[in-house]
Amino acid sequence: MEQPVQLPLTETTYFILLSLSPKPKHGYAIMKDVQALSDGRIILSTGTLYGALKRLLDQGWIIRLEESAPKGNIRDRKVYRLSEHGQRVLKDEVARLNKLLTAADRRMVEERA
């Protein structure tokens, strides 16, 4: 069920959604991707990640898929992908951030003039 969106997103939420934007990922891949995307600033614990994933599932921003276990593994992995609503949320947040940067750039140019 789609929940109303309150921007700005937290950094954790933003980077999780950004991590899922190109393709679905399992939890460990999300953790590693968020760390890389944030230049090492955000290192998610499993508790933080799975708490955030549950909230994003409840909000309808992501969808959980089942992926067959790789050879040698016992359990199937849970894979997550952005829903259409989640894609819109991410797009809206990126637009909001771009507006902030544009305003800052404009002000910085004015100060130099």
N, C-alpha and C. Protein backbone atom coordinates (compact mmCIF):
# COMPACT_ATOMS: atom_id res chain seq x y z
N MET A 1 0.84 -1.18 0.00
CA MET A 1 0.00 0.00 0.00
C MET A 1 0.88 1.25 0.00
N GLU A 2 0.59 2.17 -0.88
CA GLU A 2 1.39 3.38 -0.98
C GLU A 2 1.09 4.32 0.17
N GLN A 3 2.14 4.76 0.82
CA GLN A 3 2.04 5.72 1.92
C GLN A 3 2.41 7.10 1.39
N PRO A 4 1.87 8.16 1.99
CA PRO A 4 2.29 9.51 1.59
C PRO A 4 3.80 9.67 1.81
N VAL A 5 4.42 10.39 0.93
CA VAL A 5 5.87 10.56 0.98
C VAL A 5 6.21 11.84 1.72
N GLN A 6 7.12 11.71 2.68
CA GLN A 6 7.63 12.89 3.38
C GLN A 6 9.10 13.05 3.03
N LEU A 7 9.37 14.09 2.27
CA LEU A 7 10.76 14.40 1.94
C LEU A 7 11.23 15.45 2.93
N PRO A 8 12.48 15.51 3.29
CA PRO A 8 13.57 14.74 2.73
C PRO A 8 13.64 13.33 3.30
N LEU A 9 14.25 12.45 2.51
CA LEU A 9 14.50 11.10 2.98
C LEU A 9 15.71 11.11 3.91
N THR A 10 15.79 10.13 4.79
CA THR A 10 17.02 9.97 5.57
C THR A 10 18.11 9.51 4.61
N GLU A 11 19.35 9.73 4.99
CA GLU A 11 20.45 9.26 4.14
C GLU A 11 20.39 7.75 3.93
N THR A 12 20.07 7.02 5.00
CA THR A 12 19.99 5.56 4.89
C THR A 12 18.94 5.17 3.86
N THR A 13 17.75 5.74 3.96
CA THR A 13 16.68 5.42 3.01
C THR A 13 17.08 5.81 1.60
N TYR A 14 17.64 7.00 1.44
CA TYR A 14 18.07 7.47 0.12
C TYR A 14 19.06 6.50 -0.51
N PHE A 15 20.08 6.11 0.23
CA PHE A 15 21.10 5.24 -0.35
C PHE A 15 20.59 3.82 -0.59
N ILE A 16 19.67 3.33 0.22
CA ILE A 16 19.08 2.00 -0.04
C ILE A 16 18.28 2.06 -1.34
N LEU A 17 17.44 3.08 -1.50
CA LEU A 17 16.67 3.20 -2.73
C LEU A 17 17.59 3.38 -3.93
N LEU A 18 18.63 4.19 -3.78
CA LEU A 18 19.58 4.41 -4.87
C LEU A 18 20.29 3.10 -5.22
N SER A 19 20.63 2.32 -4.22
CA SER A 19 21.28 1.03 -4.45
C SER A 19 20.41 0.10 -5.28
N LEU A 20 19.10 0.17 -5.06
CA LEU A 20 18.17 -0.72 -5.76
C LEU A 20 17.73 -0.17 -7.11
N SER A 21 18.15 1.05 -7.45
CA SER A 21 17.65 1.66 -8.68
C SER A 21 18.11 0.96 -9.96
N PRO A 22 19.34 0.47 -10.05
CA PRO A 22 19.67 -0.16 -11.33
C PRO A 22 19.12 -1.59 -11.46
N LYS A 23 19.12 -2.33 -10.35
CA LYS A 23 18.66 -3.72 -10.42
C LYS A 23 18.40 -4.25 -9.02
N PRO A 24 17.62 -5.33 -8.91
CA PRO A 24 17.34 -5.94 -7.59
C PRO A 24 18.63 -6.45 -6.94
N LYS A 25 18.63 -6.46 -5.60
CA LYS A 25 19.79 -6.95 -4.85
C LYS A 25 19.32 -7.66 -3.60
N HIS A 26 20.18 -8.55 -3.10
CA HIS A 26 19.93 -9.17 -1.79
C HIS A 26 20.58 -8.28 -0.72
N GLY A 27 20.26 -8.57 0.54
CA GLY A 27 20.67 -7.70 1.64
C GLY A 27 22.15 -7.38 1.70
N TYR A 28 23.00 -8.40 1.59
CA TYR A 28 24.44 -8.16 1.70
C TYR A 28 24.93 -7.25 0.56
N ALA A 29 24.40 -7.46 -0.65
CA ALA A 29 24.80 -6.62 -1.78
C ALA A 29 24.35 -5.17 -1.56
N ILE A 30 23.18 -4.99 -0.95
CA ILE A 30 22.71 -3.63 -0.64
C ILE A 30 23.67 -2.98 0.36
N MET A 31 24.05 -3.72 1.40
CA MET A 31 24.97 -3.18 2.41
C MET A 31 26.28 -2.71 1.77
N LYS A 32 26.85 -3.54 0.91
CA LYS A 32 28.12 -3.20 0.27
C LYS A 32 27.96 -2.02 -0.70
N ASP A 33 26.85 -2.01 -1.44
CA ASP A 33 26.62 -0.94 -2.41
C ASP A 33 26.41 0.40 -1.70
N VAL A 34 25.65 0.41 -0.62
CA VAL A 34 25.43 1.65 0.14
C VAL A 34 26.77 2.18 0.66
N GLN A 35 27.61 1.30 1.15
CA GLN A 35 28.92 1.72 1.64
C GLN A 35 29.73 2.35 0.50
N ALA A 36 29.70 1.73 -0.69
CA ALA A 36 30.44 2.26 -1.83
C ALA A 36 29.84 3.59 -2.32
N LEU A 37 28.52 3.64 -2.44
CA LEU A 37 27.86 4.86 -2.91
C LEU A 37 28.10 6.05 -1.99
N SER A 38 28.23 5.79 -0.70
CA SER A 38 28.42 6.87 0.28
C SER A 38 29.90 7.12 0.57
N ASP A 39 30.78 6.56 -0.25
CA ASP A 39 32.23 6.69 -0.04
C ASP A 39 32.65 6.26 1.36
N GLY A 40 31.99 5.21 1.86
CA GLY A 40 32.35 4.64 3.16
C GLY A 40 31.76 5.35 4.36
N ARG A 41 30.98 6.41 4.15
CA ARG A 41 30.39 7.14 5.27
C ARG A 41 29.29 6.35 5.96
N ILE A 42 28.54 5.56 5.19
CA ILE A 42 27.42 4.81 5.75
C ILE A 42 27.74 3.33 5.68
N ILE A 43 27.88 2.73 6.85
CA ILE A 43 28.10 1.29 6.97
C ILE A 43 26.91 0.74 7.74
N LEU A 44 26.04 0.05 7.02
CA LEU A 44 24.80 -0.44 7.61
C LEU A 44 25.04 -1.73 8.39
N SER A 45 24.52 -1.78 9.60
CA SER A 45 24.49 -3.06 10.32
C SER A 45 23.33 -3.86 9.75
N THR A 46 23.32 -5.15 9.99
CA THR A 46 22.21 -5.97 9.48
C THR A 46 20.90 -5.53 10.11
N GLY A 47 20.91 -5.18 11.39
CA GLY A 47 19.69 -4.74 12.05
C GLY A 47 19.12 -3.47 11.44
N THR A 48 20.00 -2.51 11.16
CA THR A 48 19.56 -1.27 10.53
C THR A 48 19.02 -1.53 9.14
N LEU A 49 19.75 -2.34 8.37
CA LEU A 49 19.32 -2.62 7.00
C LEU A 49 17.97 -3.31 6.97
N TYR A 50 17.81 -4.39 7.73
CA TYR A 50 16.57 -5.15 7.64
C TYR A 50 15.40 -4.42 8.28
N GLY A 51 15.66 -3.56 9.27
CA GLY A 51 14.61 -2.69 9.79
C GLY A 51 14.14 -1.70 8.73
N ALA A 52 15.10 -1.12 8.01
CA ALA A 52 14.76 -0.18 6.94
C ALA A 52 14.04 -0.89 5.80
N LEU A 53 14.50 -2.09 5.44
CA LEU A 53 13.84 -2.83 4.36
C LEU A 53 12.40 -3.16 4.73
N LYS A 54 12.16 -3.54 5.98
CA LYS A 54 10.79 -3.84 6.42
C LYS A 54 9.91 -2.59 6.29
N ARG A 55 10.43 -1.45 6.73
CA ARG A 55 9.67 -0.20 6.64
C ARG A 55 9.39 0.16 5.18
N LEU A 56 10.39 -0.02 4.31
CA LEU A 56 10.21 0.29 2.89
C LEU A 56 9.22 -0.66 2.23
N LEU A 57 9.22 -1.92 2.66
CA LEU A 57 8.22 -2.88 2.18
C LEU A 57 6.83 -2.45 2.62
N ASP A 58 6.69 -2.09 3.89
CA ASP A 58 5.40 -1.66 4.43
C ASP A 58 4.87 -0.41 3.73
N GLN A 59 5.78 0.47 3.32
CA GLN A 59 5.39 1.71 2.62
C GLN A 59 5.11 1.47 1.14
N GLY A 60 5.45 0.29 0.65
CA GLY A 60 5.23 -0.01 -0.76
C GLY A 60 6.29 0.57 -1.68
N TRP A 61 7.45 0.95 -1.12
CA TRP A 61 8.51 1.54 -1.93
C TRP A 61 9.41 0.48 -2.56
N ILE A 62 9.45 -0.71 -1.96
CA ILE A 62 10.23 -1.82 -2.51
C ILE A 62 9.37 -3.08 -2.50
N ILE A 63 9.82 -4.07 -3.24
CA ILE A 63 9.14 -5.36 -3.34
C ILE A 63 10.18 -6.44 -3.05
N ARG A 64 9.76 -7.47 -2.29
CA ARG A 64 10.66 -8.58 -1.98
C ARG A 64 10.38 -9.72 -2.96
N LEU A 65 11.45 -10.26 -3.51
CA LEU A 65 11.38 -11.39 -4.43
C LEU A 65 12.16 -12.55 -3.81
N GLU A 66 11.87 -13.75 -4.22
CA GLU A 66 12.66 -14.91 -3.77
C GLU A 66 13.60 -15.29 -4.90
N GLU A 67 14.83 -15.57 -4.56
CA GLU A 67 15.82 -16.01 -5.53
C GLU A 67 16.31 -17.37 -5.10
N SER A 68 16.40 -18.29 -6.04
CA SER A 68 16.88 -19.63 -5.70
C SER A 68 18.26 -19.55 -5.09
N ALA A 69 18.49 -20.41 -4.12
CA ALA A 69 19.78 -20.43 -3.44
C ALA A 69 20.89 -20.79 -4.42
N PRO A 70 22.01 -20.07 -4.35
CA PRO A 70 23.15 -20.44 -5.18
C PRO A 70 23.61 -21.85 -4.81
N LYS A 71 24.23 -22.50 -5.74
CA LYS A 71 24.71 -23.87 -5.51
C LYS A 71 25.57 -23.91 -4.25
N GLY A 72 25.27 -24.84 -3.38
CA GLY A 72 26.02 -24.99 -2.14
C GLY A 72 25.36 -24.29 -0.96
N ASN A 73 24.40 -23.41 -1.21
CA ASN A 73 23.68 -22.73 -0.12
C ASN A 73 22.39 -23.47 0.17
N ILE A 74 21.98 -23.44 1.42
CA ILE A 74 20.79 -24.16 1.84
C ILE A 74 19.53 -23.33 1.60
N ARG A 75 19.58 -22.06 1.96
CA ARG A 75 18.38 -21.22 1.92
C ARG A 75 18.31 -20.35 0.67
N ASP A 76 17.08 -20.12 0.22
CA ASP A 76 16.87 -19.15 -0.84
C ASP A 76 17.15 -17.76 -0.27
N ARG A 77 17.59 -16.86 -1.14
CA ARG A 77 17.86 -15.49 -0.71
C ARG A 77 16.66 -14.62 -1.01
N LYS A 78 16.47 -13.64 -0.15
CA LYS A 78 15.45 -12.63 -0.41
C LYS A 78 16.12 -11.51 -1.20
N VAL A 79 15.51 -11.16 -2.29
CA VAL A 79 16.02 -10.12 -3.16
C VAL A 79 14.99 -9.00 -3.18
N TYR A 80 15.48 -7.77 -3.19
CA TYR A 80 14.60 -6.60 -3.13
C TYR A 80 14.78 -5.77 -4.39
N ARG A 81 13.67 -5.18 -4.83
CA ARG A 81 13.72 -4.26 -5.97
C ARG A 81 12.80 -3.08 -5.69
N LEU A 82 13.07 -1.98 -6.38
CA LEU A 82 12.21 -0.80 -6.25
C LEU A 82 10.85 -1.08 -6.87
N SER A 83 9.80 -0.62 -6.22
CA SER A 83 8.47 -0.63 -6.84
C SER A 83 8.37 0.63 -7.71
N GLU A 84 7.30 0.73 -8.48
CA GLU A 84 7.09 1.95 -9.26
C GLU A 84 6.99 3.16 -8.33
N HIS A 85 6.29 2.96 -7.21
CA HIS A 85 6.16 4.05 -6.23
C HIS A 85 7.54 4.43 -5.67
N GLY A 86 8.36 3.44 -5.36
CA GLY A 86 9.71 3.69 -4.86
C GLY A 86 10.56 4.43 -5.87
N GLN A 87 10.40 4.11 -7.15
CA GLN A 87 11.13 4.82 -8.19
C GLN A 87 10.73 6.29 -8.23
N ARG A 88 9.42 6.56 -8.06
CA ARG A 88 8.95 7.95 -8.03
C ARG A 88 9.50 8.70 -6.82
N VAL A 89 9.51 8.01 -5.67
CA VAL A 89 10.04 8.63 -4.45
C VAL A 89 11.50 9.01 -4.65
N LEU A 90 12.29 8.08 -5.19
CA LEU A 90 13.71 8.35 -5.42
C LEU A 90 13.88 9.50 -6.41
N LYS A 91 13.12 9.49 -7.48
CA LYS A 91 13.20 10.55 -8.48
C LYS A 91 12.85 11.91 -7.85
N ASP A 92 11.81 11.95 -7.02
CA ASP A 92 11.43 13.19 -6.35
C ASP A 92 12.52 13.69 -5.41
N GLU A 93 13.16 12.76 -4.70
CA GLU A 93 14.24 13.16 -3.77
C GLU A 93 15.45 13.68 -4.54
N VAL A 94 15.79 13.04 -5.65
CA VAL A 94 16.91 13.51 -6.47
C VAL A 94 16.60 14.91 -7.01
N ALA A 95 15.37 15.14 -7.45
CA ALA A 95 14.98 16.47 -7.93
C ALA A 95 15.09 17.50 -6.81
N ARG A 96 14.66 17.13 -5.60
CA ARG A 96 14.74 18.03 -4.45
C ARG A 96 16.19 18.38 -4.15
N LEU A 97 17.06 17.37 -4.15
CA LEU A 97 18.48 17.61 -3.89
C LEU A 97 19.11 18.47 -4.97
N ASN A 98 18.74 18.25 -6.22
CA ASN A 98 19.26 19.08 -7.32
C ASN A 98 18.86 20.53 -7.15
N LYS A 99 17.62 20.78 -6.69
CA LYS A 99 17.18 22.16 -6.45
C LYS A 99 18.02 22.82 -5.36
N LEU A 100 18.34 22.05 -4.32
CA LEU A 100 19.19 22.58 -3.25
C LEU A 100 20.56 22.96 -3.78
N LEU A 101 21.14 22.09 -4.59
CA LEU A 101 22.47 22.36 -5.14
C LEU A 101 22.44 23.55 -6.10
N THR A 102 21.39 23.65 -6.89
CA THR A 102 21.26 24.77 -7.82
C THR A 102 21.19 26.09 -7.05
N ALA A 103 20.39 26.12 -5.98
CA ALA A 103 20.29 27.33 -5.16
C ALA A 103 21.63 27.67 -4.53
N ALA A 104 22.34 26.68 -4.04
CA ALA A 104 23.65 26.92 -3.43
C ALA A 104 24.65 27.42 -4.47
N ASP A 105 24.65 26.81 -5.64
CA ASP A 105 25.56 27.25 -6.71
C ASP A 105 25.27 28.70 -7.10
N ARG A 106 23.99 29.03 -7.23
CA ARG A 106 23.59 30.38 -7.60
C ARG A 106 24.09 31.38 -6.55
N ARG A 107 23.90 31.04 -5.28
CA ARG A 107 24.31 31.94 -4.20
C ARG A 107 25.83 32.09 -4.18
N MET A 108 26.54 31.01 -4.39
CA MET A 108 28.00 31.07 -4.36
C MET A 108 28.53 31.95 -5.50
N VAL A 109 27.90 31.89 -6.66
CA VAL A 109 28.29 32.74 -7.79
C VAL A 109 28.02 34.19 -7.45
N GLU A 110 26.85 34.49 -6.84
CA GLU A 110 26.51 35.86 -6.45
C GLU A 110 27.53 36.41 -5.46
N GLU A 111 27.97 35.58 -4.53
CA GLU A 111 28.92 36.04 -3.51
C GLU A 111 30.27 36.37 -4.13
N ARG A 112 30.64 35.66 -5.19
CA ARG A 112 31.93 35.90 -5.85
C ARG A 112 31.88 37.14 -6.74
N ALA A 113 30.68 37.52 -7.17
CA ALA A 113 30.54 38.65 -8.10
C ALA A 113 30.68 39.99 -7.40
